[in-house]
Amino acid sequence: MEKDEKVEYWIEISEYDLKTATAMLKTKRFLYVAFMCHQAIEKILKGHYVFIHSKTNPFTHNLTFLAKESGAYDLFSEEQKNFIDLLEPLNIEARYPTYKEKLIQALNKKESKKILSQTKDLHRWRKEKLLKK
């Protein structure tokens, strides 16, 4: 697979995750809204990594690490950096029962809508950079 195809792959699956997050919001599955938002940002950052380095992305779920390794972190505003810090624990830990219960209590419709909106903004911004080439 060529570099452009790999970048396009990451863009496409990150968009799929955004659509899934939107569907989860409609069904009030707020934990999974947050989880899919994490996934969408993780995948767009992996696409950015491939775009910059022309090689396979690191096998990690750590958003800050991916952002720094791809060079995107230095382009982030403080608000965007804070946002990926908020998303960070919403991935793997969300799958474990005790942590999952705490997250379910913290996530409601208002918070989930906010997370989804911020995810869409960050995703759109990175996608535009990748498509400008």
N, C-alpha and C. Protein backbone atom coordinates (compact mmCIF):
# COMPACT_ATOMS: atom_id res chain seq x y z
N MET A 1 0.84 -1.18 0.00
CA MET A 1 0.00 0.00 0.00
C MET A 1 0.89 1.24 0.00
N GLU A 2 0.61 2.18 -0.87
CA GLU A 2 1.37 3.42 -0.96
C GLU A 2 1.02 4.36 0.21
N LYS A 3 1.89 5.32 0.44
CA LYS A 3 1.71 6.28 1.52
C LYS A 3 0.34 6.95 1.47
N ASP A 4 -0.06 7.47 0.30
CA ASP A 4 -1.34 8.16 0.18
C ASP A 4 -2.51 7.22 0.50
N GLU A 5 -2.39 5.96 0.11
CA GLU A 5 -3.44 4.98 0.41
C GLU A 5 -3.52 4.71 1.91
N LYS A 6 -2.37 4.66 2.56
CA LYS A 6 -2.34 4.44 4.01
C LYS A 6 -2.97 5.62 4.74
N VAL A 7 -2.64 6.83 4.33
CA VAL A 7 -3.23 8.02 4.95
C VAL A 7 -4.74 8.01 4.74
N GLU A 8 -5.18 7.71 3.53
CA GLU A 8 -6.61 7.66 3.23
C GLU A 8 -7.31 6.59 4.07
N TYR A 9 -6.65 5.47 4.26
CA TYR A 9 -7.20 4.41 5.11
C TYR A 9 -7.47 4.93 6.52
N TRP A 10 -6.48 5.61 7.11
CA TRP A 10 -6.65 6.13 8.47
C TRP A 10 -7.75 7.20 8.53
N ILE A 11 -7.84 8.02 7.50
CA ILE A 11 -8.90 9.03 7.46
C ILE A 11 -10.27 8.35 7.41
N GLU A 12 -10.41 7.36 6.55
CA GLU A 12 -11.69 6.68 6.39
C GLU A 12 -12.14 5.98 7.67
N ILE A 13 -11.23 5.26 8.33
CA ILE A 13 -11.68 4.56 9.54
C ILE A 13 -11.90 5.52 10.70
N SER A 14 -11.20 6.64 10.70
CA SER A 14 -11.46 7.63 11.76
C SER A 14 -12.84 8.27 11.54
N GLU A 15 -13.22 8.47 10.28
CA GLU A 15 -14.55 9.01 9.98
C GLU A 15 -15.64 8.00 10.36
N TYR A 16 -15.38 6.74 10.14
CA TYR A 16 -16.31 5.69 10.54
C TYR A 16 -16.53 5.74 12.06
N ASP A 17 -15.44 5.91 12.80
CA ASP A 17 -15.54 6.00 14.26
C ASP A 17 -16.33 7.22 14.70
N LEU A 18 -16.18 8.34 13.99
CA LEU A 18 -16.97 9.54 14.30
C LEU A 18 -18.46 9.28 14.07
N LYS A 19 -18.78 8.60 12.99
CA LYS A 19 -20.19 8.26 12.74
C LYS A 19 -20.73 7.33 13.82
N THR A 20 -19.90 6.41 14.26
CA THR A 20 -20.30 5.50 15.33
C THR A 20 -20.53 6.27 16.62
N ALA A 21 -19.67 7.23 16.92
CA ALA A 21 -19.84 8.06 18.12
C ALA A 21 -21.17 8.82 18.05
N THR A 22 -21.51 9.32 16.88
CA THR A 22 -22.77 10.04 16.70
C THR A 22 -23.95 9.10 16.93
N ALA A 23 -23.87 7.90 16.41
CA ALA A 23 -24.93 6.90 16.61
C ALA A 23 -25.06 6.54 18.08
N MET A 24 -23.94 6.43 18.78
CA MET A 24 -23.97 6.11 20.21
C MET A 24 -24.62 7.24 21.01
N LEU A 25 -24.40 8.48 20.59
CA LEU A 25 -25.03 9.62 21.26
C LEU A 25 -26.55 9.54 21.11
N LYS A 26 -27.01 9.21 19.93
CA LYS A 26 -28.46 9.11 19.68
C LYS A 26 -29.10 8.03 20.53
N THR A 27 -28.36 6.97 20.82
CA THR A 27 -28.91 5.87 21.62
C THR A 27 -28.57 6.01 23.11
N LYS A 28 -27.95 7.13 23.47
CA LYS A 28 -27.60 7.45 24.87
C LYS A 28 -26.61 6.48 25.49
N ARG A 29 -25.71 5.99 24.69
CA ARG A 29 -24.63 5.12 25.17
C ARG A 29 -23.38 5.99 25.30
N PHE A 30 -23.40 6.81 26.33
CA PHE A 30 -22.43 7.89 26.47
C PHE A 30 -21.00 7.42 26.65
N LEU A 31 -20.80 6.31 27.32
CA LEU A 31 -19.45 5.77 27.47
C LEU A 31 -18.84 5.46 26.10
N TYR A 32 -19.65 4.95 25.21
CA TYR A 32 -19.15 4.58 23.89
C TYR A 32 -19.01 5.77 22.95
N VAL A 33 -19.71 6.86 23.25
CA VAL A 33 -19.46 8.11 22.53
C VAL A 33 -18.01 8.51 22.80
N ALA A 34 -17.65 8.54 24.06
CA ALA A 34 -16.30 8.95 24.46
C ALA A 34 -15.25 7.98 23.90
N PHE A 35 -15.53 6.69 24.00
CA PHE A 35 -14.59 5.69 23.49
C PHE A 35 -14.35 5.87 22.00
N MET A 36 -15.43 6.05 21.23
CA MET A 36 -15.29 6.19 19.78
C MET A 36 -14.64 7.53 19.41
N CYS A 37 -14.84 8.55 20.23
CA CYS A 37 -14.14 9.82 19.98
C CYS A 37 -12.64 9.62 20.14
N HIS A 38 -12.25 8.90 21.19
CA HIS A 38 -10.83 8.58 21.37
C HIS A 38 -10.31 7.84 20.14
N GLN A 39 -11.06 6.85 19.68
CA GLN A 39 -10.64 6.07 18.53
C GLN A 39 -10.48 6.94 17.28
N ALA A 40 -11.41 7.85 17.06
CA ALA A 40 -11.35 8.72 15.88
C ALA A 40 -10.10 9.60 15.90
N ILE A 41 -9.80 10.17 17.05
CA ILE A 41 -8.62 11.03 17.16
C ILE A 41 -7.34 10.19 17.05
N GLU A 42 -7.34 9.03 17.67
CA GLU A 42 -6.18 8.14 17.56
C GLU A 42 -5.88 7.82 16.10
N LYS A 43 -6.90 7.51 15.35
CA LYS A 43 -6.69 7.10 13.96
C LYS A 43 -6.31 8.25 13.05
N ILE A 44 -6.86 9.44 13.28
CA ILE A 44 -6.45 10.57 12.45
C ILE A 44 -5.00 10.95 12.76
N LEU A 45 -4.59 10.79 14.02
CA LEU A 45 -3.19 11.04 14.37
C LEU A 45 -2.26 9.99 13.76
N LYS A 46 -2.73 8.77 13.67
CA LYS A 46 -1.93 7.73 13.01
C LYS A 46 -1.79 8.05 11.53
N GLY A 47 -2.85 8.57 10.93
CA GLY A 47 -2.76 9.01 9.55
C GLY A 47 -1.77 10.14 9.38
N HIS A 48 -1.75 11.05 10.33
CA HIS A 48 -0.81 12.17 10.29
C HIS A 48 0.63 11.65 10.43
N TYR A 49 0.81 10.66 11.30
CA TYR A 49 2.14 10.08 11.48
C TYR A 49 2.64 9.47 10.15
N VAL A 50 1.79 8.69 9.50
CA VAL A 50 2.16 8.08 8.23
C VAL A 50 2.46 9.16 7.19
N PHE A 51 1.66 10.21 7.17
CA PHE A 51 1.85 11.31 6.23
C PHE A 51 3.22 11.97 6.43
N ILE A 52 3.60 12.21 7.68
CA ILE A 52 4.87 12.89 7.98
C ILE A 52 6.08 11.98 7.80
N HIS A 53 5.97 10.75 8.28
CA HIS A 53 7.14 9.86 8.33
C HIS A 53 7.21 8.83 7.22
N SER A 54 6.16 8.66 6.45
CA SER A 54 6.13 7.67 5.36
C SER A 54 6.48 6.27 5.83
N LYS A 55 6.03 5.94 7.04
CA LYS A 55 6.25 4.59 7.55
C LYS A 55 5.10 4.23 8.48
N THR A 56 5.05 2.97 8.85
CA THR A 56 3.99 2.47 9.71
C THR A 56 3.99 3.21 11.04
N ASN A 57 2.80 3.55 11.49
CA ASN A 57 2.64 4.26 12.75
C ASN A 57 2.99 3.38 13.94
N PRO A 58 3.31 4.01 15.07
CA PRO A 58 3.58 3.23 16.30
C PRO A 58 2.31 2.50 16.75
N PHE A 59 2.48 1.34 17.34
CA PHE A 59 1.36 0.58 17.86
C PHE A 59 1.09 1.03 19.30
N THR A 60 0.28 2.07 19.41
CA THR A 60 -0.05 2.65 20.71
C THR A 60 -1.43 3.28 20.63
N HIS A 61 -2.03 3.47 21.81
CA HIS A 61 -3.31 4.18 21.90
C HIS A 61 -3.11 5.54 22.57
N ASN A 62 -1.88 5.86 22.91
CA ASN A 62 -1.56 7.08 23.64
C ASN A 62 -1.63 8.29 22.70
N LEU A 63 -2.64 9.12 22.89
CA LEU A 63 -2.87 10.25 21.99
C LEU A 63 -1.76 11.29 22.06
N THR A 64 -1.28 11.58 23.23
CA THR A 64 -0.21 12.57 23.37
C THR A 64 1.05 12.08 22.67
N PHE A 65 1.39 10.84 22.88
CA PHE A 65 2.55 10.25 22.22
C PHE A 65 2.41 10.32 20.70
N LEU A 66 1.24 9.92 20.18
CA LEU A 66 1.01 9.96 18.73
C LEU A 66 1.09 11.38 18.19
N ALA A 67 0.51 12.32 18.93
CA ALA A 67 0.54 13.72 18.50
C ALA A 67 1.97 14.25 18.47
N LYS A 68 2.75 13.92 19.48
CA LYS A 68 4.14 14.38 19.52
C LYS A 68 4.98 13.71 18.44
N GLU A 69 4.82 12.40 18.28
CA GLU A 69 5.61 11.67 17.28
C GLU A 69 5.27 12.09 15.85
N SER A 70 4.04 12.51 15.64
CA SER A 70 3.63 12.91 14.30
C SER A 70 3.94 14.38 14.00
N GLY A 71 4.33 15.11 15.03
CA GLY A 71 4.59 16.53 14.85
C GLY A 71 3.36 17.41 15.00
N ALA A 72 2.22 16.80 15.25
CA ALA A 72 0.97 17.56 15.36
C ALA A 72 0.87 18.30 16.70
N TYR A 73 1.49 17.76 17.74
CA TYR A 73 1.34 18.33 19.08
C TYR A 73 1.76 19.79 19.15
N ASP A 74 2.85 20.11 18.48
CA ASP A 74 3.34 21.50 18.48
C ASP A 74 2.40 22.45 17.76
N LEU A 75 1.52 21.91 16.94
CA LEU A 75 0.54 22.71 16.22
C LEU A 75 -0.76 22.90 17.01
N PHE A 76 -0.94 22.09 18.05
CA PHE A 76 -2.16 22.14 18.85
C PHE A 76 -2.21 23.41 19.70
N SER A 77 -3.41 23.91 19.87
CA SER A 77 -3.63 24.99 20.83
C SER A 77 -3.62 24.36 22.22
N GLU A 78 -3.57 25.19 23.25
CA GLU A 78 -3.63 24.66 24.62
C GLU A 78 -4.95 23.92 24.85
N GLU A 79 -6.01 24.45 24.28
CA GLU A 79 -7.33 23.81 24.41
C GLU A 79 -7.31 22.40 23.79
N GLN A 80 -6.67 22.26 22.63
CA GLN A 80 -6.58 20.96 21.99
C GLN A 80 -5.71 19.99 22.79
N LYS A 81 -4.64 20.49 23.35
CA LYS A 81 -3.79 19.65 24.21
C LYS A 81 -4.57 19.17 25.42
N ASN A 82 -5.33 20.07 26.02
CA ASN A 82 -6.15 19.70 27.17
C ASN A 82 -7.22 18.69 26.77
N PHE A 83 -7.75 18.86 25.58
CA PHE A 83 -8.79 17.94 25.11
C PHE A 83 -8.24 16.52 24.93
N ILE A 84 -7.06 16.38 24.33
CA ILE A 84 -6.55 15.02 24.18
C ILE A 84 -6.19 14.42 25.54
N ASP A 85 -5.83 15.26 26.50
CA ASP A 85 -5.62 14.78 27.88
C ASP A 85 -6.93 14.24 28.46
N LEU A 86 -8.03 14.90 28.14
CA LEU A 86 -9.35 14.45 28.61
C LEU A 86 -9.74 13.13 27.93
N LEU A 87 -9.45 13.01 26.65
CA LEU A 87 -9.80 11.78 25.91
C LEU A 87 -8.93 10.59 26.30
N GLU A 88 -7.69 10.85 26.68
CA GLU A 88 -6.71 9.78 26.90
C GLU A 88 -7.24 8.61 27.72
N PRO A 89 -7.81 8.82 28.89
CA PRO A 89 -8.23 7.66 29.70
C PRO A 89 -9.52 7.00 29.21
N LEU A 90 -10.12 7.51 28.16
CA LEU A 90 -11.41 6.98 27.70
C LEU A 90 -11.24 5.82 26.72
N ASN A 91 -10.07 5.28 26.64
CA ASN A 91 -9.83 4.17 25.71
C ASN A 91 -9.82 2.83 26.42
N ILE A 92 -8.67 2.30 26.72
CA ILE A 92 -8.54 0.96 27.28
C ILE A 92 -9.23 0.82 28.62
N GLU A 93 -9.00 1.79 29.50
CA GLU A 93 -9.56 1.70 30.84
C GLU A 93 -11.08 1.61 30.82
N ALA A 94 -11.70 2.15 29.79
CA ALA A 94 -13.16 2.13 29.69
C ALA A 94 -13.70 0.71 29.55
N ARG A 95 -12.83 -0.22 29.27
CA ARG A 95 -13.26 -1.61 29.09
C ARG A 95 -13.26 -2.40 30.39
N TYR A 96 -12.72 -1.84 31.45
CA TYR A 96 -12.64 -2.55 32.70
C TYR A 96 -13.79 -2.15 33.61
N PRO A 97 -14.47 -3.12 34.23
CA PRO A 97 -15.72 -2.87 34.96
C PRO A 97 -15.68 -1.77 36.02
N THR A 98 -14.69 -1.75 36.90
CA THR A 98 -14.71 -0.74 37.97
C THR A 98 -14.50 0.66 37.41
N TYR A 99 -13.60 0.78 36.47
CA TYR A 99 -13.34 2.08 35.86
C TYR A 99 -14.52 2.49 34.99
N LYS A 100 -15.11 1.52 34.33
CA LYS A 100 -16.24 1.76 33.45
C LYS A 100 -17.40 2.39 34.23
N GLU A 101 -17.66 1.89 35.41
CA GLU A 101 -18.76 2.43 36.24
C GLU A 101 -18.51 3.90 36.60
N LYS A 102 -17.29 4.24 36.93
CA LYS A 102 -16.96 5.63 37.26
C LYS A 102 -17.16 6.53 36.05
N LEU A 103 -16.75 6.05 34.88
CA LEU A 103 -16.92 6.84 33.66
C LEU A 103 -18.40 7.02 33.30
N ILE A 104 -19.17 5.96 33.45
CA ILE A 104 -20.60 6.05 33.14
C ILE A 104 -21.26 7.12 34.00
N GLN A 105 -20.87 7.21 35.25
CA GLN A 105 -21.43 8.22 36.14
C GLN A 105 -21.00 9.63 35.73
N ALA A 106 -19.83 9.77 35.17
CA ALA A 106 -19.31 11.09 34.80
C ALA A 106 -19.80 11.56 33.44
N LEU A 107 -20.18 10.63 32.59
CA LEU A 107 -20.58 10.98 31.23
C LEU A 107 -22.10 11.06 31.13
N ASN A 108 -22.58 12.20 30.69
CA ASN A 108 -24.01 12.38 30.46
C ASN A 108 -24.19 12.94 29.05
N LYS A 109 -25.41 13.24 28.69
CA LYS A 109 -25.67 13.70 27.33
C LYS A 109 -24.93 15.00 27.03
N LYS A 110 -24.98 15.94 27.95
CA LYS A 110 -24.34 17.23 27.73
C LYS A 110 -22.82 17.07 27.55
N GLU A 111 -22.19 16.31 28.44
CA GLU A 111 -20.74 16.10 28.37
C GLU A 111 -20.37 15.33 27.11
N SER A 112 -21.17 14.34 26.76
CA SER A 112 -20.90 13.54 25.56
C SER A 112 -21.03 14.36 24.29
N LYS A 113 -22.02 15.24 24.24
CA LYS A 113 -22.18 16.14 23.08
C LYS A 113 -20.97 17.06 22.95
N LYS A 114 -20.49 17.54 24.09
CA LYS A 114 -19.32 18.42 24.09
C LYS A 114 -18.08 17.67 23.59
N ILE A 115 -17.88 16.46 24.08
CA ILE A 115 -16.74 15.65 23.66
C ILE A 115 -16.82 15.36 22.16
N LEU A 116 -18.01 15.01 21.68
CA LEU A 116 -18.17 14.72 20.26
C LEU A 116 -17.91 15.96 19.41
N SER A 117 -18.40 17.09 19.85
CA SER A 117 -18.19 18.34 19.12
C SER A 117 -16.71 18.69 19.03
N GLN A 118 -16.01 18.59 20.15
CA GLN A 118 -14.58 18.89 20.17
C GLN A 118 -13.79 17.88 19.32
N THR A 119 -14.23 16.64 19.34
CA THR A 119 -13.59 15.61 18.52
C THR A 119 -13.75 15.94 17.04
N LYS A 120 -14.95 16.31 16.65
CA LYS A 120 -15.20 16.67 15.25
C LYS A 120 -14.35 17.85 14.83
N ASP A 121 -14.22 18.85 15.70
CA ASP A 121 -13.40 20.02 15.38
C ASP A 121 -11.94 19.64 15.18
N LEU A 122 -11.39 18.89 16.12
CA LEU A 122 -9.98 18.48 16.03
C LEU A 122 -9.77 17.57 14.82
N HIS A 123 -10.68 16.65 14.62
CA HIS A 123 -10.60 15.73 13.49
C HIS A 123 -10.62 16.51 12.17
N ARG A 124 -11.54 17.43 12.02
CA ARG A 124 -11.67 18.23 10.79
C ARG A 124 -10.38 19.00 10.52
N TRP A 125 -9.83 19.59 11.56
CA TRP A 125 -8.61 20.38 11.44
C TRP A 125 -7.44 19.52 10.95
N ARG A 126 -7.27 18.33 11.54
CA ARG A 126 -6.18 17.43 11.12
C ARG A 126 -6.45 16.90 9.71
N LYS A 127 -7.67 16.55 9.42
CA LYS A 127 -8.01 16.01 8.10
C LYS A 127 -7.71 17.03 7.00
N GLU A 128 -8.07 18.27 7.25
CA GLU A 128 -7.80 19.33 6.26
C GLU A 128 -6.30 19.44 5.99
N LYS A 129 -5.50 19.33 7.02
CA LYS A 129 -4.04 19.39 6.85
C LYS A 129 -3.54 18.20 6.02
N LEU A 130 -4.11 17.04 6.26
CA LEU A 130 -3.67 15.84 5.54
C LEU A 130 -4.08 15.89 4.07
N LEU A 131 -5.22 16.46 3.79
CA LEU A 131 -5.71 16.48 2.42
C LEU A 131 -5.09 17.59 1.58
N LYS A 132 -4.49 18.59 2.23
CA LYS A 132 -3.83 19.68 1.49
C LYS A 132 -2.55 19.22 0.85
N LYS A 133 -1.87 18.32 1.52
CA LYS A 133 -0.59 17.74 1.06
C LYS A 133 0.24 18.81 0.43
